[in-house]
Amino acid sequence: SYVNGYRYQNTFSLTKYLNGTTFSEKEKITPKEDKKYYLMLKLRLKEGINLDEYQEKFKIDLLNEKGGMINSLINRGLLKLKDNTLLVTYDGSLLLDIILRELF
């Protein structure tokens, strides 16, 4: 789970869960990690990343922040920009881990 800047992991123990201990780990997510998770999760969706939504959430323009790398990935046919939305192409979906590594 992810709530208010913290990532939680549920307990694997059914006994603990039934006794009210529902999670076993709690991790504070840094702003950089939050951006990384956001990009990773949104690029996996067919809706992609709405650039206005990204700017509202993180108070920075993604194209200004990562424009050089994004343009390189677009030129390589791995990403595309359509209607202010960043999308992964079919070829990009096969290499999403590489795309994310290049963006970070």
Protein backbone atom coordinates (compact mmCIF):
# COMPACT_ATOMS: atom_id res chain seq x y z
CA SER A 1 0.00 0.00 0.00
CA TYR A 2 0.96 3.63 -0.42
CA VAL A 3 -0.65 6.25 1.83
CA ASN A 4 0.52 9.80 2.66
CA GLY A 5 4.13 9.31 1.60
CA TYR A 6 4.57 5.89 3.23
CA ARG A 7 4.71 2.48 1.60
CA TYR A 8 3.34 -0.40 3.68
CA GLN A 9 3.79 -4.13 3.32
CA ASN A 10 1.15 -6.44 4.70
CA THR A 11 2.20 -9.16 7.09
CA PHE A 12 2.52 -12.66 5.66
CA SER A 13 1.37 -14.19 8.94
CA LEU A 14 -2.32 -15.01 8.97
CA THR A 15 -2.23 -15.22 12.78
CA LYS A 16 -0.77 -11.71 13.11
CA TYR A 17 -3.22 -10.38 10.55
CA LEU A 18 -6.20 -11.86 12.39
CA ASN A 19 -4.86 -10.41 15.66
CA GLY A 20 -4.84 -6.90 14.17
CA THR A 21 -1.23 -6.57 13.01
CA THR A 22 -1.98 -5.96 9.36
CA PHE A 23 1.38 -4.67 8.13
CA SER A 24 4.94 -5.75 8.73
CA GLU A 25 6.92 -2.88 7.19
CA LYS A 26 6.52 0.87 6.86
CA GLU A 27 8.88 2.85 4.63
CA LYS A 28 9.02 6.63 4.13
CA ILE A 29 9.16 7.42 0.42
CA THR A 30 11.45 10.29 -0.61
CA PRO A 31 10.30 12.84 -3.22
CA LYS A 32 12.74 11.32 -5.75
CA GLU A 33 11.37 7.82 -5.11
CA ASP A 34 7.82 9.17 -5.37
CA LYS A 35 8.58 10.51 -8.86
CA LYS A 36 10.19 7.22 -9.85
CA TYR A 37 7.23 5.15 -8.66
CA TYR A 38 4.83 7.55 -10.36
CA LEU A 39 6.63 7.27 -13.70
CA MET A 40 7.00 3.51 -13.39
CA LEU A 41 3.35 2.91 -12.58
CA LYS A 42 1.88 5.44 -15.03
CA LEU A 43 4.02 4.35 -17.98
CA ARG A 44 2.74 0.80 -17.54
CA LEU A 45 -0.81 2.04 -18.20
CA LYS A 46 -2.23 2.68 -21.66
CA GLU A 47 -3.28 6.16 -20.41
CA GLY A 48 0.37 7.09 -19.84
CA ILE A 49 1.49 10.23 -18.01
CA ASN A 50 -0.59 13.36 -18.34
CA LEU A 51 2.02 16.12 -18.24
CA ASP A 52 -0.33 18.62 -16.58
CA GLU A 53 -1.12 16.10 -13.84
CA TYR A 54 2.60 15.47 -13.31
CA GLN A 55 3.30 19.20 -13.02
CA GLU A 56 0.45 19.67 -10.56
CA LYS A 57 1.60 16.76 -8.41
CA PHE A 58 5.35 17.46 -8.38
CA LYS A 59 5.42 21.23 -9.10
CA ILE A 60 7.81 20.74 -12.01
CA ASP A 61 7.43 20.31 -15.76
CA LEU A 62 8.51 16.79 -16.72
CA LEU A 63 9.74 17.92 -20.14
CA ASN A 64 11.92 20.58 -18.52
CA GLU A 65 13.17 18.10 -15.95
CA LYS A 66 13.86 15.14 -18.25
CA GLY A 67 13.37 16.63 -21.73
CA GLY A 68 16.70 15.56 -23.22
CA MET A 69 16.26 11.93 -22.23
CA ILE A 70 12.57 11.91 -23.18
CA ASN A 71 13.40 13.30 -26.64
CA SER A 72 16.07 10.65 -27.06
CA LEU A 73 13.58 7.91 -26.13
CA ILE A 74 11.00 9.40 -28.51
CA ASN A 75 13.58 9.47 -31.34
CA ARG A 76 14.38 5.81 -30.62
CA GLY A 77 10.68 4.93 -30.95
CA LEU A 78 10.26 3.91 -27.29
CA LEU A 79 8.07 6.82 -26.14
CA LYS A 80 5.62 9.12 -27.87
CA LEU A 81 3.97 12.39 -26.95
CA LYS A 82 0.29 12.74 -27.83
CA ASP A 83 -2.17 15.38 -26.58
CA ASN A 84 0.12 16.43 -23.70
CA THR A 85 0.45 12.81 -22.59
CA LEU A 86 3.64 10.76 -22.52
CA LEU A 87 3.03 7.21 -23.70
CA VAL A 88 5.11 4.09 -24.13
CA THR A 89 5.12 2.62 -27.62
CA TYR A 90 4.79 -1.11 -28.19
CA ASP A 91 8.57 -1.41 -28.55
CA GLY A 92 8.97 0.71 -25.42
CA SER A 93 6.68 -1.59 -23.46
CA LEU A 94 9.12 -4.42 -24.15
CA LEU A 95 11.97 -2.30 -22.77
CA LEU A 96 10.21 -0.43 -19.97
CA ASP A 97 12.82 -1.31 -17.35
CA ILE A 98 15.51 0.20 -19.57
CA ILE A 99 13.39 3.34 -20.15
CA LEU A 100 12.92 3.82 -16.42
CA ARG A 101 16.62 3.29 -15.73
CA GLU A 102 17.47 5.94 -18.34
CA LEU A 103 14.97 8.39 -16.86
CA PHE A 104 16.56 7.96 -13.43
